[in-house]
Amino acid sequence: MPPRHVFPSADGWYSTVLHELGHATGHPSRLNRDLRNPFGSPDYAREELRAEIAQVMVCAELGIAECEFTNGAAYISSWLETLRSDRKEIFRAAADAQRIADYLLALHPDYAVRHLAATITAEDAPATGSEPQADSNFAAR
């Protein structure tokens, strides 16, 4: 990563770090995505789409207002080509992005504790059928 001072804002730097961390989750010991894709290939575009969507998800969750999306514009034509050739790809990309976001957010101690507390509270409260159910598998991911 370039140093923080080369970015126009702290939010821009943090959101770029989150994008790169999104790629790092592809390692076999984490979420195990194939990251050996040559620049410009359809598989490279697929990975970038996942990292971009996850970046936006995590920025929104953490309250990072200025989510840096500069590189996203450069990849849009590749994404469109990929999405036109496979209409279900956006659903797979969104699902993978959610897994990436969950993985990264679980590393944030305050978020993990807050989510775990909400899960425990939801499990202990009597169900009336109208409350959303917490994801009890979150802490295990």
N, C-alpha and C. Protein backbone atom coordinates (compact mmCIF):
# COMPACT_ATOMS: atom_id res chain seq x y z
N MET A 1 0.84 -1.19 0.00
CA MET A 1 0.00 0.00 0.00
C MET A 1 0.88 1.24 0.00
N PRO A 2 0.47 2.21 -0.79
CA PRO A 2 1.17 3.51 -0.69
C PRO A 2 0.91 4.11 0.69
N PRO A 3 1.79 4.99 1.14
CA PRO A 3 1.58 5.60 2.46
C PRO A 3 0.30 6.45 2.49
N ARG A 4 -0.23 6.63 3.66
CA ARG A 4 -1.49 7.36 3.87
C ARG A 4 -1.47 8.76 3.26
N HIS A 5 -0.33 9.45 3.33
CA HIS A 5 -0.29 10.85 2.90
C HIS A 5 -0.49 11.04 1.39
N VAL A 6 -0.38 10.00 0.59
CA VAL A 6 -0.59 10.17 -0.85
C VAL A 6 -2.08 10.10 -1.23
N PHE A 7 -2.93 9.75 -0.28
CA PHE A 7 -4.37 9.71 -0.53
C PHE A 7 -4.99 11.04 -0.15
N PRO A 8 -6.03 11.46 -0.86
CA PRO A 8 -6.64 12.75 -0.55
C PRO A 8 -7.36 12.79 0.81
N SER A 9 -7.69 11.62 1.36
CA SER A 9 -8.37 11.59 2.66
C SER A 9 -8.04 10.28 3.37
N ALA A 10 -8.25 10.28 4.68
CA ALA A 10 -8.06 9.05 5.45
C ALA A 10 -9.06 7.99 5.01
N ASP A 11 -10.31 8.41 4.73
CA ASP A 11 -11.32 7.46 4.28
C ASP A 11 -10.89 6.77 2.99
N GLY A 12 -10.30 7.52 2.06
CA GLY A 12 -9.83 6.94 0.81
C GLY A 12 -8.76 5.88 1.05
N TRP A 13 -7.86 6.17 1.97
CA TRP A 13 -6.80 5.20 2.30
C TRP A 13 -7.39 3.95 2.93
N TYR A 14 -8.28 4.15 3.93
CA TYR A 14 -8.88 3.00 4.62
C TYR A 14 -9.69 2.14 3.65
N SER A 15 -10.45 2.77 2.78
CA SER A 15 -11.27 1.97 1.86
C SER A 15 -10.40 1.20 0.88
N THR A 16 -9.26 1.78 0.48
CA THR A 16 -8.34 1.06 -0.41
C THR A 16 -7.70 -0.11 0.33
N VAL A 17 -7.35 0.09 1.58
CA VAL A 17 -6.82 -1.00 2.40
C VAL A 17 -7.86 -2.13 2.49
N LEU A 18 -9.11 -1.77 2.69
CA LEU A 18 -10.16 -2.79 2.77
C LEU A 18 -10.30 -3.56 1.47
N HIS A 19 -10.15 -2.86 0.34
CA HIS A 19 -10.19 -3.53 -0.96
C HIS A 19 -9.06 -4.56 -1.05
N GLU A 20 -7.86 -4.16 -0.68
CA GLU A 20 -6.71 -5.07 -0.76
C GLU A 20 -6.85 -6.22 0.24
N LEU A 21 -7.38 -5.93 1.42
CA LEU A 21 -7.64 -7.00 2.39
C LEU A 21 -8.68 -7.97 1.83
N GLY A 22 -9.62 -7.45 1.06
CA GLY A 22 -10.61 -8.33 0.41
C GLY A 22 -9.93 -9.35 -0.48
N HIS A 23 -8.92 -8.91 -1.24
CA HIS A 23 -8.15 -9.86 -2.06
C HIS A 23 -7.42 -10.86 -1.18
N ALA A 24 -6.88 -10.39 -0.07
CA ALA A 24 -6.10 -11.27 0.82
C ALA A 24 -6.94 -12.41 1.39
N THR A 25 -8.24 -12.22 1.46
CA THR A 25 -9.09 -13.29 1.98
C THR A 25 -9.17 -14.48 1.02
N GLY A 26 -8.68 -14.31 -0.19
CA GLY A 26 -8.71 -15.41 -1.16
C GLY A 26 -7.67 -16.48 -0.90
N HIS A 27 -6.72 -16.21 -0.02
CA HIS A 27 -5.67 -17.17 0.30
C HIS A 27 -6.30 -18.51 0.70
N PRO A 28 -5.66 -19.64 0.35
CA PRO A 28 -6.21 -20.95 0.70
C PRO A 28 -6.52 -21.15 2.18
N SER A 29 -5.80 -20.48 3.06
CA SER A 29 -6.05 -20.64 4.49
C SER A 29 -7.20 -19.76 4.98
N ARG A 30 -7.75 -18.95 4.07
CA ARG A 30 -8.87 -18.07 4.46
C ARG A 30 -10.12 -18.52 3.70
N LEU A 31 -10.50 -17.82 2.63
CA LEU A 31 -11.72 -18.18 1.90
C LEU A 31 -11.45 -18.96 0.62
N ASN A 32 -10.18 -19.15 0.30
CA ASN A 32 -9.75 -20.05 -0.76
C ASN A 32 -10.35 -19.76 -2.14
N ARG A 33 -10.03 -18.56 -2.67
CA ARG A 33 -10.39 -18.24 -4.06
C ARG A 33 -9.13 -18.31 -4.89
N ASP A 34 -9.26 -18.66 -6.16
CA ASP A 34 -8.10 -18.72 -7.06
C ASP A 34 -7.68 -17.29 -7.41
N LEU A 35 -6.49 -16.91 -6.99
CA LEU A 35 -5.99 -15.55 -7.23
C LEU A 35 -4.88 -15.52 -8.29
N ARG A 36 -4.71 -16.60 -9.01
CA ARG A 36 -3.64 -16.67 -10.02
C ARG A 36 -4.14 -16.21 -11.39
N ASN A 37 -4.89 -15.15 -11.44
CA ASN A 37 -5.51 -14.70 -12.67
C ASN A 37 -4.69 -13.59 -13.32
N PRO A 38 -4.34 -13.75 -14.60
CA PRO A 38 -3.56 -12.69 -15.26
C PRO A 38 -4.37 -11.40 -15.42
N PHE A 39 -3.70 -10.28 -15.27
CA PHE A 39 -4.33 -8.97 -15.41
C PHE A 39 -5.10 -8.90 -16.73
N GLY A 40 -6.33 -8.43 -16.67
CA GLY A 40 -7.14 -8.28 -17.86
C GLY A 40 -7.98 -9.48 -18.23
N SER A 41 -7.77 -10.60 -17.57
CA SER A 41 -8.53 -11.81 -17.89
C SER A 41 -9.92 -11.73 -17.26
N PRO A 42 -10.86 -12.52 -17.76
CA PRO A 42 -12.20 -12.54 -17.15
C PRO A 42 -12.16 -12.95 -15.66
N ASP A 43 -11.29 -13.87 -15.30
CA ASP A 43 -11.19 -14.28 -13.89
C ASP A 43 -10.62 -13.16 -13.02
N TYR A 44 -9.71 -12.37 -13.58
CA TYR A 44 -9.18 -11.21 -12.87
C TYR A 44 -10.32 -10.22 -12.60
N ALA A 45 -11.15 -9.99 -13.63
CA ALA A 45 -12.29 -9.08 -13.48
C ALA A 45 -13.26 -9.60 -12.42
N ARG A 46 -13.46 -10.91 -12.38
CA ARG A 46 -14.36 -11.50 -11.37
C ARG A 46 -13.84 -11.23 -9.96
N GLU A 47 -12.55 -11.42 -9.76
CA GLU A 47 -11.96 -11.17 -8.43
C GLU A 47 -12.06 -9.69 -8.06
N GLU A 48 -11.81 -8.81 -9.00
CA GLU A 48 -11.92 -7.38 -8.72
C GLU A 48 -13.34 -6.99 -8.35
N LEU A 49 -14.30 -7.58 -9.04
CA LEU A 49 -15.71 -7.29 -8.73
C LEU A 49 -16.03 -7.70 -7.30
N ARG A 50 -15.56 -8.86 -6.89
CA ARG A 50 -15.79 -9.32 -5.52
C ARG A 50 -15.14 -8.39 -4.50
N ALA A 51 -13.90 -8.00 -4.75
CA ALA A 51 -13.19 -7.12 -3.82
C ALA A 51 -13.86 -5.75 -3.74
N GLU A 52 -14.34 -5.23 -4.87
CA GLU A 52 -15.00 -3.92 -4.88
C GLU A 52 -16.32 -3.96 -4.12
N ILE A 53 -17.13 -4.98 -4.36
CA ILE A 53 -18.41 -5.08 -3.66
C ILE A 53 -18.17 -5.24 -2.16
N ALA A 54 -17.23 -6.10 -1.78
CA ALA A 54 -16.92 -6.30 -0.36
C ALA A 54 -16.42 -5.01 0.27
N GLN A 55 -15.59 -4.28 -0.45
CA GLN A 55 -15.07 -3.00 0.05
C GLN A 55 -16.22 -2.05 0.37
N VAL A 56 -17.17 -1.94 -0.52
CA VAL A 56 -18.31 -1.05 -0.29
C VAL A 56 -19.14 -1.53 0.91
N MET A 57 -19.32 -2.84 1.03
CA MET A 57 -20.08 -3.40 2.16
C MET A 57 -19.40 -3.07 3.49
N VAL A 58 -18.09 -3.28 3.56
CA VAL A 58 -17.38 -3.05 4.82
C VAL A 58 -17.32 -1.56 5.13
N CYS A 59 -17.07 -0.74 4.11
CA CYS A 59 -17.07 0.72 4.32
C CYS A 59 -18.41 1.18 4.89
N ALA A 60 -19.50 0.68 4.33
CA ALA A 60 -20.83 1.06 4.82
C ALA A 60 -21.02 0.62 6.27
N GLU A 61 -20.61 -0.59 6.58
CA GLU A 61 -20.78 -1.11 7.93
C GLU A 61 -19.94 -0.34 8.95
N LEU A 62 -18.75 0.07 8.56
CA LEU A 62 -17.85 0.76 9.49
C LEU A 62 -18.02 2.28 9.47
N GLY A 63 -18.90 2.78 8.60
CA GLY A 63 -19.15 4.22 8.54
C GLY A 63 -18.07 4.99 7.83
N ILE A 64 -17.37 4.36 6.90
CA ILE A 64 -16.36 5.06 6.10
C ILE A 64 -17.10 5.71 4.94
N ALA A 65 -17.25 7.02 5.03
CA ALA A 65 -18.13 7.74 4.10
C ALA A 65 -17.58 7.80 2.68
N GLU A 66 -16.31 8.05 2.55
CA GLU A 66 -15.72 8.21 1.21
C GLU A 66 -15.08 6.90 0.78
N CYS A 67 -15.89 6.01 0.25
CA CYS A 67 -15.39 4.71 -0.20
C CYS A 67 -14.71 4.90 -1.55
N GLU A 68 -13.41 4.75 -1.58
CA GLU A 68 -12.59 4.96 -2.78
C GLU A 68 -12.98 3.93 -3.84
N PHE A 69 -13.47 4.43 -4.96
CA PHE A 69 -13.93 3.55 -6.02
C PHE A 69 -13.26 3.91 -7.35
N THR A 70 -12.07 4.49 -7.28
CA THR A 70 -11.39 4.97 -8.48
C THR A 70 -11.09 3.85 -9.45
N ASN A 71 -10.55 2.75 -8.96
CA ASN A 71 -10.22 1.64 -9.86
C ASN A 71 -11.46 0.93 -10.38
N GLY A 72 -12.56 1.03 -9.66
CA GLY A 72 -13.79 0.38 -10.09
C GLY A 72 -14.21 0.83 -11.48
N ALA A 73 -14.07 2.10 -11.75
CA ALA A 73 -14.46 2.62 -13.06
C ALA A 73 -13.63 1.99 -14.17
N ALA A 74 -12.36 1.71 -13.89
CA ALA A 74 -11.49 1.12 -14.90
C ALA A 74 -11.89 -0.32 -15.21
N TYR A 75 -12.51 -0.99 -14.26
CA TYR A 75 -12.88 -2.39 -14.46
C TYR A 75 -14.29 -2.59 -14.98
N ILE A 76 -15.08 -1.52 -15.03
CA ILE A 76 -16.49 -1.67 -15.38
C ILE A 76 -16.68 -2.36 -16.72
N SER A 77 -15.90 -2.02 -17.74
CA SER A 77 -16.08 -2.67 -19.04
C SER A 77 -15.81 -4.17 -18.95
N SER A 78 -14.80 -4.57 -18.18
CA SER A 78 -14.52 -5.99 -17.99
C SER A 78 -15.66 -6.67 -17.24
N TRP A 79 -16.18 -5.99 -16.22
CA TRP A 79 -17.28 -6.56 -15.45
C TRP A 79 -18.50 -6.74 -16.33
N LEU A 80 -18.79 -5.72 -17.16
CA LEU A 80 -19.97 -5.81 -18.02
C LEU A 80 -19.85 -6.99 -18.98
N GLU A 81 -18.67 -7.17 -19.52
CA GLU A 81 -18.44 -8.31 -20.42
C GLU A 81 -18.67 -9.63 -19.68
N THR A 82 -18.13 -9.73 -18.48
CA THR A 82 -18.28 -10.94 -17.67
C THR A 82 -19.75 -11.16 -17.31
N LEU A 83 -20.44 -10.10 -16.90
CA LEU A 83 -21.83 -10.22 -16.48
C LEU A 83 -22.76 -10.52 -17.66
N ARG A 84 -22.43 -10.01 -18.83
CA ARG A 84 -23.24 -10.31 -20.02
C ARG A 84 -23.10 -11.77 -20.43
N SER A 85 -21.91 -12.33 -20.24
CA SER A 85 -21.70 -13.71 -20.65
C SER A 85 -22.25 -14.71 -19.64
N ASP A 86 -22.49 -14.27 -18.41
CA ASP A 86 -23.01 -15.16 -17.37
C ASP A 86 -23.92 -14.35 -16.44
N ARG A 87 -25.19 -14.43 -16.66
CA ARG A 87 -26.14 -13.60 -15.92
C ARG A 87 -26.22 -13.93 -14.43
N LYS A 88 -25.75 -15.09 -14.03
CA LYS A 88 -25.78 -15.46 -12.61
C LYS A 88 -24.51 -15.03 -11.88
N GLU A 89 -23.53 -14.51 -12.61
CA GLU A 89 -22.26 -14.13 -12.00
C GLU A 89 -22.44 -13.05 -10.93
N ILE A 90 -23.33 -12.11 -11.14
CA ILE A 90 -23.52 -11.05 -10.15
C ILE A 90 -23.98 -11.62 -8.81
N PHE A 91 -24.77 -12.68 -8.85
CA PHE A 91 -25.23 -13.31 -7.61
C PHE A 91 -24.08 -14.04 -6.91
N ARG A 92 -23.25 -14.73 -7.70
CA ARG A 92 -22.08 -15.39 -7.11
C ARG A 92 -21.11 -14.35 -6.55
N ALA A 93 -20.92 -13.26 -7.29
CA ALA A 93 -20.02 -12.20 -6.85
C ALA A 93 -20.51 -11.57 -5.55
N ALA A 94 -21.81 -11.31 -5.48
CA ALA A 94 -22.37 -10.71 -4.26
C ALA A 94 -22.26 -11.66 -3.07
N ALA A 95 -22.50 -12.94 -3.30
CA ALA A 95 -22.37 -13.93 -2.22
C ALA A 95 -20.93 -14.02 -1.74
N ASP A 96 -19.99 -14.06 -2.68
CA ASP A 96 -18.57 -14.09 -2.30
C ASP A 96 -18.19 -12.80 -1.57
N ALA A 97 -18.68 -11.67 -2.05
CA ALA A 97 -18.38 -10.38 -1.41
C ALA A 97 -18.91 -10.35 0.01
N GLN A 98 -20.08 -10.93 0.23
CA GLN A 98 -20.62 -10.98 1.59
C GLN A 98 -19.74 -11.85 2.49
N ARG A 99 -19.24 -12.97 1.95
CA ARG A 99 -18.33 -13.82 2.73
C ARG A 99 -17.04 -13.05 3.06
N ILE A 100 -16.54 -12.30 2.08
CA ILE A 100 -15.34 -11.48 2.31
C ILE A 100 -15.61 -10.45 3.40
N ALA A 101 -16.73 -9.73 3.28
CA ALA A 101 -17.08 -8.71 4.27
C ALA A 101 -17.23 -9.32 5.66
N ASP A 102 -17.92 -10.45 5.75
CA ASP A 102 -18.08 -11.12 7.04
C ASP A 102 -16.73 -11.51 7.63
N TYR A 103 -15.85 -12.03 6.79
CA TYR A 103 -14.53 -12.45 7.26
C TYR A 103 -13.77 -11.24 7.82
N LEU A 104 -13.75 -10.14 7.06
CA LEU A 104 -13.01 -8.95 7.49
C LEU A 104 -13.63 -8.33 8.74
N LEU A 105 -14.95 -8.25 8.78
CA LEU A 105 -15.60 -7.65 9.94
C LEU A 105 -15.41 -8.49 11.20
N ALA A 106 -15.31 -9.80 11.04
CA ALA A 106 -15.07 -10.67 12.20
C ALA A 106 -13.70 -10.40 12.81
N LEU A 107 -12.78 -9.82 12.05
CA LEU A 107 -11.46 -9.48 12.57
C LEU A 107 -11.48 -8.19 13.39
N HIS A 108 -12.54 -7.42 13.27
CA HIS A 108 -12.68 -6.16 14.01
C HIS A 108 -13.26 -6.50 15.38
N PRO A 109 -12.47 -6.38 16.45
CA PRO A 109 -12.91 -6.86 17.77
C PRO A 109 -14.23 -6.26 18.24
N ASP A 110 -14.41 -4.95 18.07
CA ASP A 110 -15.64 -4.32 18.53
C ASP A 110 -16.84 -4.84 17.75
N TYR A 111 -16.68 -5.00 16.45
CA TYR A 111 -17.78 -5.49 15.62
C TYR A 111 -18.13 -6.92 15.99
N ALA A 112 -17.12 -7.75 16.14
CA ALA A 112 -17.35 -9.15 16.47
C ALA A 112 -18.06 -9.28 17.82
N VAL A 113 -17.62 -8.52 18.82
CA VAL A 113 -18.25 -8.57 20.14
C VAL A 113 -19.68 -8.06 20.06
N ARG A 114 -19.90 -6.97 19.34
CA ARG A 114 -21.24 -6.40 19.21
C ARG A 114 -22.18 -7.40 18.52
N HIS A 115 -21.70 -8.04 17.45
CA HIS A 115 -22.53 -9.00 16.72
C HIS A 115 -22.81 -10.24 17.58
N LEU A 116 -21.80 -10.69 18.30
CA LEU A 116 -21.99 -11.85 19.18
C LEU A 116 -23.01 -11.52 20.27
N ALA A 117 -22.92 -10.32 20.84
CA ALA A 117 -23.88 -9.91 21.88
C ALA A 117 -25.29 -9.87 21.31
N ALA A 118 -25.44 -9.37 20.10
CA ALA A 118 -26.77 -9.32 19.46
C ALA A 118 -27.28 -10.73 19.22
N THR A 119 -26.39 -11.63 18.85
CA THR A 119 -26.79 -13.02 18.61
C THR A 119 -27.26 -13.67 19.90
N ILE A 120 -26.52 -13.48 20.97
CA ILE A 120 -26.89 -14.07 22.27
C ILE A 120 -28.21 -13.49 22.75
N THR A 121 -28.37 -12.17 22.64
CA THR A 121 -29.62 -11.52 23.05
C THR A 121 -30.79 -12.05 22.25
N ALA A 122 -30.61 -12.18 20.94
CA ALA A 122 -31.70 -12.68 20.07
C ALA A 122 -32.05 -14.12 20.40
N GLU A 123 -31.06 -14.93 20.76
CA GLU A 123 -31.33 -16.33 21.09
C GLU A 123 -32.02 -16.47 22.43
N ASP A 124 -31.72 -15.56 23.37
CA ASP A 124 -32.32 -15.62 24.70
C ASP A 124 -33.73 -15.04 24.75
N ALA A 125 -34.02 -14.10 23.85
CA ALA A 125 -35.32 -13.44 23.86
C ALA A 125 -36.39 -14.39 23.32
N PRO A 126 -37.59 -14.31 23.88
CA PRO A 126 -38.66 -15.14 23.34
C PRO A 126 -39.03 -14.67 21.94
N ALA A 127 -39.18 -15.61 21.05
CA ALA A 127 -39.50 -15.27 19.66
C ALA A 127 -40.98 -14.97 19.53
N THR A 128 -41.28 -13.84 18.89
CA THR A 128 -42.68 -13.50 18.63
C THR A 128 -43.01 -13.72 17.16
N GLY A 129 -41.99 -14.06 16.39
CA GLY A 129 -42.21 -14.28 14.97
C GLY A 129 -41.98 -13.04 14.14
N SER A 130 -41.83 -11.86 14.76
CA SER A 130 -41.66 -10.64 13.97
C SER A 130 -40.23 -10.13 13.97
N GLU A 131 -39.39 -10.56 14.92
CA GLU A 131 -38.02 -10.08 14.97
C GLU A 131 -37.16 -10.83 13.97
N PRO A 132 -36.19 -10.12 13.35
CA PRO A 132 -35.25 -10.84 12.49
C PRO A 132 -34.35 -11.70 13.35
N GLN A 133 -34.01 -12.87 12.87
CA GLN A 133 -33.14 -13.78 13.62
C GLN A 133 -31.68 -13.47 13.33
N ALA A 134 -30.86 -13.45 14.35
CA ALA A 134 -29.43 -13.20 14.19
C ALA A 134 -28.77 -14.41 13.57
N ASP A 135 -27.69 -14.17 12.88
CA ASP A 135 -26.92 -15.25 12.25
C ASP A 135 -26.01 -15.88 13.29
N SER A 136 -26.42 -17.02 13.83
CA SER A 136 -25.65 -17.65 14.91
C SER A 136 -24.35 -18.27 14.42
N ASN A 137 -24.17 -18.37 13.11
CA ASN A 137 -22.93 -18.93 12.57
C ASN A 137 -21.85 -17.87 12.38
N PHE A 138 -22.18 -16.59 12.61
CA PHE A 138 -21.22 -15.52 12.35
C PHE A 138 -19.91 -15.73 13.09
N ALA A 139 -19.98 -16.00 14.38
CA ALA A 139 -18.77 -16.12 15.18
C ALA A 139 -17.94 -17.32 14.76
N ALA A 140 -18.56 -18.30 14.15
CA ALA A 140 -17.83 -19.52 13.76
C ALA A 140 -17.10 -19.37 12.44
N ARG A 141 -17.41 -18.32 11.69
CA ARG A 141 -16.76 -18.14 10.37
C ARG A 141 -15.34 -17.71 10.47
